[in-house]
PDB file of N, CA and C in Angstrom:
ATOM      1  N   MET A   1      41.185 107.353  66.242  1.00  0.00           N
ATOM      2  CA  MET A   1      42.095 106.252  65.965  1.00  0.00           C
ATOM      3  C   MET A   1      41.694 105.040  66.821  1.00  0.00           C
ATOM      4  N   LEU A   2      41.822 103.878  66.239  1.00  0.00           N
ATOM      5  CA  LEU A   2      41.502 102.632  66.920  1.00  0.00           C
ATOM      6  C   LEU A   2      42.391 102.463  68.144  1.00  0.00           C
ATOM      7  N   GLN A   3      41.815 102.008  69.260  1.00  0.00           N
ATOM      8  CA  GLN A   3      42.598 101.786  70.478  1.00  0.00           C
ATOM      9  C   GLN A   3      43.351 100.465  70.377  1.00  0.00           C
ATOM     10  N   PHE A   4      44.628 100.518  70.628  1.00  0.00           N
ATOM     11  CA  PHE A   4      45.460  99.334  70.643  1.00  0.00           C
ATOM     12  C   PHE A   4      45.818  99.002  72.079  1.00  0.00           C
ATOM     13  N   PRO A   5      45.993  97.727  72.376  1.00  0.00           N
ATOM     14  CA  PRO A   5      46.379  97.372  73.741  1.00  0.00           C
ATOM     15  C   PRO A   5      47.775  97.890  74.056  1.00  0.00           C
ATOM     16  N   LYS A   6      48.011  98.169  75.310  1.00  0.00           N
ATOM     17  CA  LYS A   6      49.347  98.587  75.751  1.00  0.00           C
ATOM     18  C   LYS A   6      50.250  97.366  75.716  1.00  0.00           C
ATOM     19  N   ILE A   7      51.277  97.431  74.907  1.00  0.00           N
ATOM     20  CA  ILE A   7      52.202  96.316  74.734  1.00  0.00           C
ATOM     21  C   ILE A   7      53.534  96.700  75.361  1.00  0.00           C
ATOM     22  N   SER A   8      54.020  95.878  76.282  1.00  0.00           N
ATOM     23  CA  SER A   8      55.288  96.152  76.970  1.00  0.00           C
ATOM     24  C   SER A   8      56.456  95.966  76.008  1.00  0.00           C
ATOM     25  N   ASP A   9      57.629  96.440  76.414  1.00  0.00           N
ATOM     26  CA  ASP A   9      58.828  96.284  75.591  1.00  0.00           C
ATOM     27  C   ASP A   9      59.123  94.814  75.304  1.00  0.00           C
ATOM     28  N   SER A  10      58.961  93.969  76.302  1.00  0.00           N
ATOM     29  CA  SER A  10      59.215  92.535  76.118  1.00  0.00           C
ATOM     30  C   SER A  10      58.200  91.926  75.159  1.00  0.00           C
ATOM     31  N   GLU A  11      56.955  92.338  75.285  1.00  0.00           N
ATOM     32  CA  GLU A  11      55.926  91.835  74.382  1.00  0.00           C
ATOM     33  C   GLU A  11      56.180  92.293  72.949  1.00  0.00           C
ATOM     34  N   TRP A  12      56.742  93.493  72.793  1.00  0.00           N
ATOM     35  CA  TRP A  12      57.094  93.979  71.457  1.00  0.00           C
ATOM     36  C   TRP A  12      58.099  93.034  70.801  1.00  0.00           C
ATOM     37  N   GLU A  13      59.040  92.523  71.566  1.00  0.00           N
ATOM     38  CA  GLU A  13      60.035  91.596  71.005  1.00  0.00           C
ATOM     39  C   GLU A  13      59.365  90.340  70.450  1.00  0.00           C
ATOM     40  N   VAL A  14      58.371  89.848  71.164  1.00  0.00           N
ATOM     41  CA  VAL A  14      57.623  88.675  70.702  1.00  0.00           C
ATOM     42  C   VAL A  14      56.811  89.033  69.461  1.00  0.00           C
ATOM     43  N   MET A  15      56.179  90.195  69.477  1.00  0.00           N
ATOM     44  CA  MET A  15      55.391  90.625  68.316  1.00  0.00           C
ATOM     45  C   MET A  15      56.267  90.738  67.073  1.00  0.00           C
ATOM     46  N   LYS A  16      57.481  91.262  67.220  1.00  0.00           N
ATOM     47  CA  LYS A  16      58.389  91.388  66.076  1.00  0.00           C
ATOM     48  C   LYS A  16      58.671  90.032  65.443  1.00  0.00           C
ATOM     49  N   VAL A  17      58.831  89.025  66.278  1.00  0.00           N
ATOM     50  CA  VAL A  17      59.080  87.670  65.778  1.00  0.00           C
ATOM     51  C   VAL A  17      57.864  87.178  65.000  1.00  0.00           C
ATOM     52  N   LEU A  18      56.677  87.441  65.511  1.00  0.00           N
ATOM     53  CA  LEU A  18      55.454  86.988  64.844  1.00  0.00           C
ATOM     54  C   LEU A  18      55.171  87.797  63.580  1.00  0.00           C
ATOM     55  N   TRP A  19      55.519  89.073  63.586  1.00  0.00           N
ATOM     56  CA  TRP A  19      55.332  89.878  62.376  1.00  0.00           C
ATOM     57  C   TRP A  19      56.288  89.434  61.274  1.00  0.00           C
ATOM     58  N   LEU A  20      57.440  88.964  61.667  1.00  0.00           N
ATOM     59  CA  LEU A  20      58.436  88.508  60.686  1.00  0.00           C
ATOM     60  C   LEU A  20      57.934  87.292  59.921  1.00  0.00           C
ATOM     61  N   ALA A  21      57.323  86.363  60.620  1.00  0.00           N
ATOM     62  CA  ALA A  21      56.756  85.162  60.000  1.00  0.00           C
ATOM     63  C   ALA A  21      55.744  84.538  60.949  1.00  0.00           C
ATOM     64  N   SER A  22      54.603  84.205  60.410  1.00  0.00           N
ATOM     65  CA  SER A  22      53.541  83.592  61.220  1.00  0.00           C
ATOM     66  C   SER A  22      52.761  82.625  60.359  1.00  0.00           C
ATOM     67  N   PRO A  23      52.119  81.669  60.976  1.00  0.00           N
ATOM     68  CA  PRO A  23      52.104  81.383  62.412  1.00  0.00           C
ATOM     69  C   PRO A  23      53.391  80.695  62.846  1.00  0.00           C
ATOM     70  N   ARG A  24      53.665  80.785  64.134  1.00  0.00           N
ATOM     71  CA  ARG A  24      54.820  80.129  64.742  1.00  0.00           C
ATOM     72  C   ARG A  24      54.391  79.465  66.036  1.00  0.00           C
ATOM     73  N   THR A  25      54.984  78.333  66.310  1.00  0.00           N
ATOM     74  CA  THR A  25      54.735  77.677  67.587  1.00  0.00           C
ATOM     75  C   THR A  25      55.514  78.417  68.673  1.00  0.00           C
ATOM     76  N   ALA A  26      55.158  78.158  69.910  1.00  0.00           N
ATOM     77  CA  ALA A  26      55.891  78.768  71.024  1.00  0.00           C
ATOM     78  C   ALA A  26      57.365  78.384  70.948  1.00  0.00           C
ATOM     79  N   ASN A  27      57.645  77.123  70.607  1.00  0.00           N
ATOM     80  CA  ASN A  27      59.044  76.691  70.511  1.00  0.00           C
ATOM     81  C   ASN A  27      59.798  77.439  69.419  1.00  0.00           C
ATOM     82  N   GLU A  28      59.130  77.742  68.318  1.00  0.00           N
ATOM     83  CA  GLU A  28      59.781  78.503  67.250  1.00  0.00           C
ATOM     84  C   GLU A  28      60.062  79.935  67.694  1.00  0.00           C
ATOM     85  N   VAL A  29      59.132  80.530  68.423  1.00  0.00           N
ATOM     86  CA  VAL A  29      59.351  81.884  68.945  1.00  0.00           C
ATOM     87  C   VAL A  29      60.508  81.863  69.937  1.00  0.00           C
ATOM     88  N   ILE A  30      60.532  80.872  70.804  1.00  0.00           N
ATOM     89  CA  ILE A  30      61.617  80.723  71.784  1.00  0.00           C
ATOM     90  C   ILE A  30      62.956  80.598  71.070  1.00  0.00           C
ATOM     91  N   GLU A  31      62.998  79.805  70.018  1.00  0.00           N
ATOM     92  CA  GLU A  31      64.244  79.585  69.268  1.00  0.00           C
ATOM     93  C   GLU A  31      64.767  80.885  68.655  1.00  0.00           C
ATOM     94  N   VAL A  32      63.878  81.676  68.072  1.00  0.00           N
ATOM     95  CA  VAL A  32      64.289  82.944  67.478  1.00  0.00           C
ATOM     96  C   VAL A  32      64.799  83.902  68.550  1.00  0.00           C
ATOM     97  N   LEU A  33      64.108  83.953  69.683  1.00  0.00           N
ATOM     98  CA  LEU A  33      64.465  84.905  70.733  1.00  0.00           C
ATOM     99  C   LEU A  33      65.683  84.491  71.555  1.00  0.00           C
ATOM    100  N   GLN A  34      66.040  83.224  71.553  1.00  0.00           N
ATOM    101  CA  GLN A  34      67.158  82.782  72.392  1.00  0.00           C
ATOM    102  C   GLN A  34      68.477  83.432  71.990  1.00  0.00           C
ATOM    103  N   ASP A  35      68.613  83.826  70.729  1.00  0.00           N
ATOM    104  CA  ASP A  35      69.825  84.510  70.295  1.00  0.00           C
ATOM    105  C   ASP A  35      69.831  85.985  70.667  1.00  0.00           C
ATOM    106  N   ARG A  36      68.652  86.548  70.888  1.00  0.00           N
ATOM    107  CA  ARG A  36      68.514  87.979  71.181  1.00  0.00           C
ATOM    108  C   ARG A  36      68.371  88.291  72.663  1.00  0.00           C
ATOM    109  N   LYS A  37      67.705  87.405  73.374  1.00  0.00           N
ATOM    110  CA  LYS A  37      67.356  87.674  74.773  1.00  0.00           C
ATOM    111  C   LYS A  37      67.773  86.510  75.657  1.00  0.00           C
ATOM    112  N   ASP A  38      68.027  86.829  76.888  1.00  0.00           N
ATOM    113  CA  ASP A  38      68.370  85.798  77.863  1.00  0.00           C
ATOM    114  C   ASP A  38      67.114  85.442  78.657  1.00  0.00           C
ATOM    115  N   TRP A  39      66.103  84.966  77.949  1.00  0.00           N
ATOM    116  CA  TRP A  39      64.825  84.629  78.555  1.00  0.00           C
ATOM    117  C   TRP A  39      64.653  83.125  78.594  1.00  0.00           C
ATOM    118  N   SER A  40      64.009  82.667  79.643  1.00  0.00           N
ATOM    119  CA  SER A  40      63.689  81.245  79.733  1.00  0.00           C
ATOM    120  C   SER A  40      62.497  80.955  78.821  1.00  0.00           C
ATOM    121  N   PRO A  41      62.336  79.704  78.415  1.00  0.00           N
ATOM    122  CA  PRO A  41      61.157  79.349  77.618  1.00  0.00           C
ATOM    123  C   PRO A  41      59.844  79.708  78.325  1.00  0.00           C
ATOM    124  N   LYS A  42      59.831  79.579  79.653  1.00  0.00           N
ATOM    125  CA  LYS A  42      58.625  79.915  80.419  1.00  0.00           C
ATOM    126  C   LYS A  42      58.276  81.398  80.274  1.00  0.00           C
ATOM    127  N   THR A  43      59.285  82.250  80.253  1.00  0.00           N
ATOM    128  CA  THR A  43      59.066  83.690  80.084  1.00  0.00           C
ATOM    129  C   THR A  43      58.416  83.979  78.737  1.00  0.00           C
ATOM    130  N   VAL A  44      58.931  83.360  77.688  1.00  0.00           N
ATOM    131  CA  VAL A  44      58.373  83.584  76.348  1.00  0.00           C
ATOM    132  C   VAL A  44      56.931  83.091  76.294  1.00  0.00           C
ATOM    133  N   ARG A  45      56.656  81.946  76.888  1.00  0.00           N
ATOM    134  CA  ARG A  45      55.283  81.425  76.905  1.00  0.00           C
ATOM    135  C   ARG A  45      54.349  82.369  77.678  1.00  0.00           C
ATOM    136  N   THR A  46      54.849  82.939  78.768  1.00  0.00           N
ATOM    137  CA  THR A  46      54.059  83.906  79.539  1.00  0.00           C
ATOM    138  C   THR A  46      53.760  85.141  78.692  1.00  0.00           C
ATOM    139  N   LEU A  47      54.760  85.630  77.961  1.00  0.00           N
ATOM    140  CA  LEU A  47      54.552  86.791  77.099  1.00  0.00           C
ATOM    141  C   LEU A  47      53.533  86.487  76.004  1.00  0.00           C
ATOM    142  N   LEU A  48      53.612  85.302  75.419  1.00  0.00           N
ATOM    143  CA  LEU A  48      52.627  84.905  74.409  1.00  0.00           C
ATOM    144  C   LEU A  48      51.219  84.881  75.011  1.00  0.00           C
ATOM    145  N   ASN A  49      51.095  84.323  76.209  1.00  0.00           N
ATOM    146  CA  ASN A  49      49.789  84.272  76.870  1.00  0.00           C
ATOM    147  C   ASN A  49      49.247  85.667  77.163  1.00  0.00           C
ATOM    148  N   ARG A  50      50.112  86.577  77.588  1.00  0.00           N
ATOM    149  CA  ARG A  50      49.683  87.956  77.848  1.00  0.00           C
ATOM    150  C   ARG A  50      49.181  88.614  76.562  1.00  0.00           C
ATOM    151  N   LEU A  51      49.888  88.373  75.466  1.00  0.00           N
ATOM    152  CA  LEU A  51      49.484  88.947  74.188  1.00  0.00           C
ATOM    153  C   LEU A  51      48.147  88.373  73.716  1.00  0.00           C
ATOM    154  N   VAL A  52      47.913  87.112  73.996  1.00  0.00           N
ATOM    155  CA  VAL A  52      46.616  86.502  73.678  1.00  0.00           C
ATOM    156  C   VAL A  52      45.522  87.169  74.513  1.00  0.00           C
ATOM    157  N   GLU A  53      45.779  87.357  75.811  1.00  0.00           N
ATOM    158  CA  GLU A  53      44.804  88.003  76.697  1.00  0.00           C
ATOM    159  C   GLU A  53      44.495  89.435  76.262  1.00  0.00           C
ATOM    160  N   LYS A  54      45.483  90.104  75.686  1.00  0.00           N
ATOM    161  CA  LYS A  54      45.302  91.483  75.226  1.00  0.00           C
ATOM    162  C   LYS A  54      44.697  91.546  73.823  1.00  0.00           C
ATOM    163  N   SER A  55      44.417  90.397  73.241  1.00  0.00           N
ATOM    164  CA  SER A  55      43.879  90.306  71.874  1.00  0.00           C
ATOM    165  C   SER A  55      44.832  90.891  70.832  1.00  0.00           C
ATOM    166  N   ALA A  56      46.113  90.814  71.106  1.00  0.00           N
ATOM    167  CA  ALA A  56      47.130  91.228  70.140  1.00  0.00           C
ATOM    168  C   ALA A  56      47.590  90.029  69.312  1.00  0.00           C
ATOM    169  N   VAL A  57      47.426  88.840  69.888  1.00  0.00           N
ATOM    170  CA  VAL A  57      47.847  87.589  69.264  1.00  0.00           C
ATOM    171  C   VAL A  57      46.734  86.568  69.458  1.00  0.00           C
ATOM    172  N   ALA A  58      46.610  85.678  68.483  1.00  0.00           N
ATOM    173  CA  ALA A  58      45.677  84.551  68.598  1.00  0.00           C
ATOM    174  C   ALA A  58      46.458  83.280  68.254  1.00  0.00           C
ATOM    175  N   TYR A  59      45.798  82.157  68.395  1.00  0.00           N
ATOM    176  CA  TYR A  59      46.475  80.896  68.082  1.00  0.00           C
ATOM    177  C   TYR A  59      45.495  79.896  67.511  1.00  0.00           C
ATOM    178  N   ASN A  60      46.064  78.962  66.773  1.00  0.00           N
ATOM    179  CA  ASN A  60      45.347  77.781  66.307  1.00  0.00           C
ATOM    180  C   ASN A  60      45.926  76.604  67.071  1.00  0.00           C
ATOM    181  N   GLN A  61      45.058  75.705  67.492  1.00  0.00           N
ATOM    182  CA  GLN A  61      45.515  74.527  68.220  1.00  0.00           C
ATOM    183  C   GLN A  61      45.222  73.278  67.397  1.00  0.00           C
ATOM    184  N   VAL A  62      46.271  72.507  67.148  1.00  0.00           N
ATOM    185  CA  VAL A  62      46.134  71.202  66.507  1.00  0.00           C
ATOM    186  C   VAL A  62      46.732  70.198  67.478  1.00  0.00           C
ATOM    187  N   GLN A  63      45.867  69.390  68.044  1.00  0.00           N
ATOM    188  CA  GLN A  63      46.223  68.474  69.127  1.00  0.00           C
ATOM    189  C   GLN A  63      46.835  69.293  70.250  1.00  0.00           C
ATOM    190  N   ARG A  64      48.104  69.061  70.574  1.00  0.00           N
ATOM    191  CA  ARG A  64      48.717  69.798  71.692  1.00  0.00           C
ATOM    192  C   ARG A  64      49.668  70.900  71.221  1.00  0.00           C
ATOM    193  N   VAL A  65      49.625  71.212  69.920  1.00  0.00           N
ATOM    194  CA  VAL A  65      50.521  72.226  69.360  1.00  0.00           C
ATOM    195  C   VAL A  65      49.734  73.511  69.093  1.00  0.00           C
ATOM    196  N   TYR A  66      50.229  74.608  69.651  1.00  0.00           N
ATOM    197  CA  TYR A  66      49.627  75.919  69.470  1.00  0.00           C
ATOM    198  C   TYR A  66      50.479  76.711  68.486  1.00  0.00           C
ATOM    199  N   SER A  67      49.854  77.253  67.470  1.00  0.00           N
ATOM    200  CA  SER A  67      50.538  78.108  66.499  1.00  0.00           C
ATOM    201  C   SER A  67      50.001  79.527  66.651  1.00  0.00           C
ATOM    202  N   TYR A  68      50.896  80.457  66.957  1.00  0.00           N
ATOM    203  CA  TYR A  68      50.521  81.839  67.256  1.00  0.00           C
ATOM    204  C   TYR A  68      50.683  82.743  66.029  1.00  0.00           C
ATOM    205  N   TYR A  69      49.788  83.719  65.934  1.00  0.00           N
ATOM    206  CA  TYR A  69      49.870  84.702  64.853  1.00  0.00           C
ATOM    207  C   TYR A  69      49.332  86.040  65.376  1.00  0.00           C
ATOM    208  N   PRO A  70      49.856  87.145  64.832  1.00  0.00           N
ATOM    209  CA  PRO A  70      49.429  88.466  65.309  1.00  0.00           C
ATOM    210  C   PRO A  70      48.047  88.835  64.776  1.00  0.00           C
ATOM    211  N   LEU A  71      47.282  89.516  65.606  1.00  0.00           N
ATOM    212  CA  LEU A  71      45.993  90.061  65.195  1.00  0.00           C
ATOM    213  C   LEU A  71      46.117  91.532  64.805  1.00  0.00           C
ATOM    214  N   LEU A  72      47.223  92.136  65.193  1.00  0.00           N
ATOM    215  CA  LEU A  72      47.460  93.549  64.917  1.00  0.00           C
ATOM    216  C   LEU A  72      48.546  93.700  63.863  1.00  0.00           C
ATOM    217  N   LYS A  73      48.375  94.675  62.991  1.00  0.00           N
ATOM    218  CA  LYS A  73      49.388  94.955  61.975  1.00  0.00           C
ATOM    219  C   LYS A  73      50.522  95.775  62.597  1.00  0.00           C
ATOM    220  N   GLU A  74      51.729  95.468  62.164  1.00  0.00           N
ATOM    221  CA  GLU A  74      52.905  96.159  62.691  1.00  0.00           C
ATOM    222  C   GLU A  74      52.821  97.663  62.443  1.00  0.00           C
ATOM    223  N   THR A  75      52.458  98.063  61.243  1.00  0.00           N
ATOM    224  CA  THR A  75      52.412  99.494  60.920  1.00  0.00           C
ATOM    225  C   THR A  75      51.407 100.233  61.789  1.00  0.00           C
ATOM    226  N   GLU A  76      50.275  99.602  62.074  1.00  0.00           N
ATOM    227  CA  GLU A  76      49.260 100.242  62.919  1.00  0.00           C
ATOM    228  C   GLU A  76      49.742 100.367  64.361  1.00  0.00           C
ATOM    229  N   CYS A  77      50.448  99.351  64.849  1.00  0.00           N
ATOM    230  CA  CYS A  77      50.989  99.421  66.213  1.00  0.00           C
ATOM    231  C   CYS A  77      52.065 100.495  66.327  1.00  0.00           C
ATOM    232  N   ILE A  78      52.903 100.594  65.309  1.00  0.00           N
ATOM    233  CA  ILE A  78      53.947 101.624  65.313  1.00  0.00           C
ATOM    234  C   ILE A  78      53.310 103.006  65.308  1.00  0.00           C
ATOM    235  N   GLN A  79      52.287 103.187  64.489  1.00  0.00           N
ATOM    236  CA  GLN A  79      51.604 104.476  64.438  1.00  0.00           C
ATOM    237  C   GLN A  79      50.963 104.814  65.783  1.00  0.00           C
ATOM    238  N   SER A  80      50.351 103.837  66.413  1.00  0.00           N
ATOM    239  CA  SER A  80      49.721 104.055  67.718  1.00  0.00           C
ATOM    240  C   SER A  80      50.769 104.418  68.774  1.00  0.00           C
ATOM    241  N   GLU A  81      51.890 103.702  68.774  1.00  0.00           N
ATOM    242  CA  GLU A  81      52.963 103.995  69.736  1.00  0.00           C
ATOM    243  C   GLU A  81      53.567 105.370  69.481  1.00  0.00           C
ATOM    244  N   THR A  82      53.683 105.746  68.215  1.00  0.00           N
ATOM    245  CA  THR A  82      54.221 107.057  67.868  1.00  0.00           C
ATOM    246  C   THR A  82      53.312 108.162  68.399  1.00  0.00           C
ATOM    247  N   GLN A  83      52.008 107.988  68.203  1.00  0.00           N
ATOM    248  CA  GLN A  83      51.050 108.975  68.708  1.00  0.00           C
ATOM    249  C   GLN A  83      51.107 109.066  70.231  1.00  0.00           C
ATOM    250  N   SER A  84      51.227 107.922  70.891  1.00  0.00           N
ATOM    251  CA  SER A  84      51.307 107.896  72.348  1.00  0.00           C
ATOM    252  C   SER A  84      52.562 108.635  72.824  1.00  0.00           C
ATOM    253  N   PHE A  85      53.703 108.359  72.186  1.00  0.00           N
ATOM    254  CA  PHE A  85      54.965 109.023  72.518  1.00  0.00           C
ATOM    255  C   PHE A  85      54.858 110.523  72.292  1.00  0.00           C
ATOM    256  N   LEU A  86      54.304 110.898  71.145  1.00  0.00           N
ATOM    257  CA  LEU A  86      54.164 112.302  70.801  1.00  0.00           C
ATOM    258  C   LEU A  86      53.297 113.037  71.825  1.00  0.00           C
ATOM    259  N   SER A  87      52.217 112.414  72.233  1.00  0.00           N
ATOM    260  CA  SER A  87      51.331 113.026  73.229  1.00  0.00           C
ATOM    261  C   SER A  87      52.006 113.136  74.587  1.00  0.00           C
ATOM    262  N   LYS A  88      52.685 112.072  74.990  1.00  0.00           N
ATOM    263  CA  LYS A  88      53.291 112.034  76.317  1.00  0.00           C
ATOM    264  C   LYS A  88      54.469 113.002  76.438  1.00  0.00           C
ATOM    265  N   ILE A  89      55.335 113.033  75.449  1.00  0.00           N
ATOM    266  CA  ILE A  89      56.577 113.801  75.553  1.00  0.00           C
ATOM    267  C   ILE A  89      56.437 115.225  75.008  1.00  0.00           C
ATOM    268  N   TYR A  90      55.703 115.374  73.908  1.00  0.00           N
ATOM    269  CA  TYR A  90      55.639 116.674  73.237  1.00  0.00           C
ATOM    270  C   TYR A  90      54.246 117.298  73.243  1.00  0.00           C
ATOM    271  N   GLY A  91      53.362 116.796  74.091  1.00  0.00           N
ATOM    272  CA  GLY A  91      52.024 117.353  74.171  1.00  0.00           C
ATOM    273  C   GLY A  91      51.233 117.224  72.879  1.00  0.00           C
ATOM    274  N   GLY A  92      51.604 116.270  72.057  1.00  0.00           N
ATOM    275  CA  GLY A  92      50.900 116.028  70.805  1.00  0.00           C
ATOM    276  C   GLY A  92      51.404 116.857  69.638  1.00  0.00           C
ATOM    277  N   ALA A  93      52.374 117.731  69.874  1.00  0.00           N
ATOM    278  CA  ALA A  93      52.877 118.608  68.816  1.00  0.00           C
ATOM    279  C   ALA A  93      54.053 117.945  68.086  1.00  0.00           C
ATOM    280  N   LEU A  94      53.943 117.857  66.793  1.00  0.00           N
ATOM    281  CA  LEU A  94      54.962 117.202  65.980  1.00  0.00           C
ATOM    282  C   LEU A  94      56.196 118.080  65.767  1.00  0.00           C
ATOM    283  N   LYS A  95      55.990 119.362  65.583  1.00  0.00           N
ATOM    284  CA  LYS A  95      57.099 120.262  65.260  1.00  0.00           C
ATOM    285  C   LYS A  95      58.225 120.240  66.304  1.00  0.00           C
ATOM    286  N   PRO A  96      57.937 120.356  67.616  1.00  0.00           N
ATOM    287  CA  PRO A  96      59.040 120.321  68.585  1.00  0.00           C
ATOM    288  C   PRO A  96      59.833 119.015  68.535  1.00  0.00           C
ATOM    289  N   MET A  97      59.140 117.911  68.260  1.00  0.00           N
ATOM    290  CA  MET A  97      59.845 116.637  68.170  1.00  0.00           C
ATOM    291  C   MET A  97      60.785 116.642  66.969  1.00  0.00           C
ATOM    292  N   LEU A  98      60.284 117.099  65.835  1.00  0.00           N
ATOM    293  CA  LEU A  98      61.124 117.136  64.633  1.00  0.00           C
ATOM    294  C   LEU A  98      62.335 118.048  64.833  1.00  0.00           C
ATOM    295  N   VAL A  99      62.099 119.204  65.434  1.00  0.00           N
ATOM    296  CA  VAL A  99      63.203 120.134  65.697  1.00  0.00           C
ATOM    297  C   VAL A  99      64.240 119.470  66.591  1.00  0.00           C
ATOM    298  N   ASN A 100      63.789 118.777  67.616  1.00  0.00           N
ATOM    299  CA  ASN A 100      64.695 118.092  68.535  1.00  0.00           C
ATOM    300  C   ASN A 100      65.539 117.048  67.801  1.00  0.00           C
ATOM    301  N   PHE A 101      64.897 116.251  66.939  1.00  0.00           N
ATOM    302  CA  PHE A 101      65.633 115.233  66.193  1.00  0.00           C
ATOM    303  C   PHE A 101      66.576 115.851  65.168  1.00  0.00           C
ATOM    304  N   LEU A 102      66.165 116.937  64.539  1.00  0.00           N
ATOM    305  CA  LEU A 102      67.014 117.564  63.532  1.00  0.00           C
ATOM    306  C   LEU A 102      68.249 118.213  64.150  1.00  0.00           C
ATOM    307  N   LYS A 103      68.160 118.626  65.400  1.00  0.00           N
ATOM    308  CA  LYS A 103      69.315 119.217  66.081  1.00  0.00           C
ATOM    309  C   LYS A 103      70.324 118.151  66.526  1.00  0.00           C
ATOM    310  N   ASP A 104      69.937 116.907  66.434  1.00  0.00           N
ATOM    311  CA  ASP A 104      70.797 115.797  66.852  1.00  0.00           C
ATOM    312  C   ASP A 104      72.025 115.729  65.948  1.00  0.00           C
ATOM    313  N   ASP A 105      73.193 115.736  66.556  1.00  0.00           N
ATOM    314  CA  ASP A 105      74.454 115.684  65.812  1.00  0.00           C
ATOM    315  C   ASP A 105      74.696 114.342  65.140  1.00  0.00           C
ATOM    316  N   LYS A 106      73.932 113.323  65.497  1.00  0.00           N
ATOM    317  CA  LYS A 106      74.169 111.982  64.979  1.00  0.00           C
ATOM    318  C   LYS A 106      73.590 111.765  63.585  1.00  0.00           C
ATOM    319  N   LEU A 107      72.826 112.719  63.084  1.00  0.00           N
ATOM    320  CA  LEU A 107      72.255 112.574  61.754  1.00  0.00           C
ATOM    321  C   LEU A 107      73.349 112.787  60.705  1.00  0.00           C
ATOM    322  N   SER A 108      73.442 111.847  59.784  1.00  0.00           N
ATOM    323  CA  SER A 108      74.445 111.955  58.717  1.00  0.00           C
ATOM    324  C   SER A 108      73.937 112.909  57.643  1.00  0.00           C
ATOM    325  N   LYS A 109      74.836 113.271  56.751  1.00  0.00           N
ATOM    326  CA  LYS A 109      74.461 114.129  55.631  1.00  0.00           C
ATOM    327  C   LYS A 109      73.382 113.439  54.786  1.00  0.00           C
ATOM    328  N   GLU A 110      73.526 112.116  54.622  1.00  0.00           N
ATOM    329  CA  GLU A 110      72.547 111.339  53.858  1.00  0.00           C
ATOM    330  C   GLU A 110      71.178 111.361  54.553  1.00  0.00           C
ATOM    331  N   ASP A 111      71.185 111.229  55.890  1.00  0.00           N
ATOM    332  CA  ASP A 111      69.939 111.285  56.650  1.00  0.00           C
ATOM    333  C   ASP A 111      69.240 112.626  56.428  1.00  0.00           C
ATOM    334  N   LEU A 112      70.020 113.688  56.515  1.00  0.00           N
ATOM    335  CA  LEU A 112      69.455 115.023  56.349  1.00  0.00           C
ATOM    336  C   LEU A 112      68.897 115.219  54.938  1.00  0.00           C
ATOM    337  N   GLU A 113      69.601 114.716  53.932  1.00  0.00           N
ATOM    338  CA  GLU A 113      69.119 114.822  52.551  1.00  0.00           C
ATOM    339  C   GLU A 113      67.815 114.044  52.367  1.00  0.00           C
ATOM    340  N   GLU A 114      67.734 112.867  52.976  1.00  0.00           N
ATOM    341  CA  GLU A 114      66.513 112.065  52.884  1.00  0.00           C
ATOM    342  C   GLU A 114      65.342 112.786  53.547  1.00  0.00           C
ATOM    343  N   LEU A 115      65.589 113.356  54.713  1.00  0.00           N
ATOM    344  CA  LEU A 115      64.537 114.113  55.400  1.00  0.00           C
ATOM    345  C   LEU A 115      64.105 115.329  54.590  1.00  0.00           C
ATOM    346  N   LYS A 116      65.074 115.993  53.984  1.00  0.00           N
ATOM    347  CA  LYS A 116      64.769 117.155  53.142  1.00  0.00           C
ATOM    348  C   LYS A 116      63.868 116.736  51.978  1.00  0.00           C
ATOM    349  N   GLY A 117      64.175 115.599  51.360  1.00  0.00           N
ATOM    350  CA  GLY A 117      63.363 115.096  50.253  1.00  0.00           C
ATOM    351  C   GLY A 117      61.945 114.776  50.688  1.00  0.00           C
ATOM    352  N   ILE A 118      61.810 114.165  51.863  1.00  0.00           N
ATOM    353  CA  ILE A 118      60.482 113.834  52.390  1.00  0.00           C
ATOM    354  C   ILE A 118      59.678 115.103  52.629  1.00  0.00           C
ATOM    355  N   LEU A 119      60.322 116.119  53.224  1.00  0.00           N
ATOM    356  CA  LEU A 119      59.625 117.388  53.477  1.00  0.00           C
ATOM    357  C   LEU A 119      59.216 118.080  52.187  1.00  0.00           C
ATOM    358  N   GLU A 120      60.067 118.012  51.178  1.00  0.00           N
ATOM    359  CA  GLU A 120      59.730 118.627  49.890  1.00  0.00           C
ATOM    360  C   GLU A 120      58.550 117.910  49.239  1.00  0.00           C
ATOM    361  N   GLN A 121      58.495 116.600  49.363  1.00  0.00           N
ATOM    362  CA  GLN A 121      57.363 115.832  48.815  1.00  0.00           C
ATOM    363  C   GLN A 121      56.070 116.209  49.550  1.00  0.00           C
ATOM    364  N   ARG A 122      56.157 116.384  50.846  1.00  0.00           N
ATOM    365  CA  ARG A 122      54.969 116.741  51.641  1.00  0.00           C
ATOM    366  C   ARG A 122      54.454 118.128  51.246  1.00  0.00           C
ATOM    367  N   ARG A 123      55.372 119.016  50.898  1.00  0.00           N
ATOM    368  CA  ARG A 123      54.999 120.386  50.532  1.00  0.00           C
ATOM    369  C   ARG A 123      54.213 120.384  49.224  1.00  0.00           C
ATOM    370  N   ASP A 124      54.570 119.490  48.318  1.00  0.00           N
ATOM    371  CA  ASP A 124      53.908 119.431  47.000  1.00  0.00           C
ATOM    372  C   ASP A 124      52.606 118.780  47.099  1.00  0.00           C
TER     373      ASP A 124
END
């Protein structure tokens, strides 16, 4: 599997904004995040710069305006993070994780039916 850069929780929030719509200026990212996070504009700019350094985000510059866009696909990052979580917590084994989630009392009847359907499709 392709190696993805380690993206912090805060950087994930910025990536979500860019995955939603891109390219975006730093001010546009700040505007979207101001309703979700209590971050200063400087913090958001720092996170954008870190993502650029990690090659997760790139930008186009027109005069003094920088427009940022993701270099990584959301689905690929989610898959990479899932594999990392699975390896770290469950030693790479999927079955114990699924059993743990299925024992969770918070799953609704609809959730369980959907999971059952997915498993039946996988069996076929």
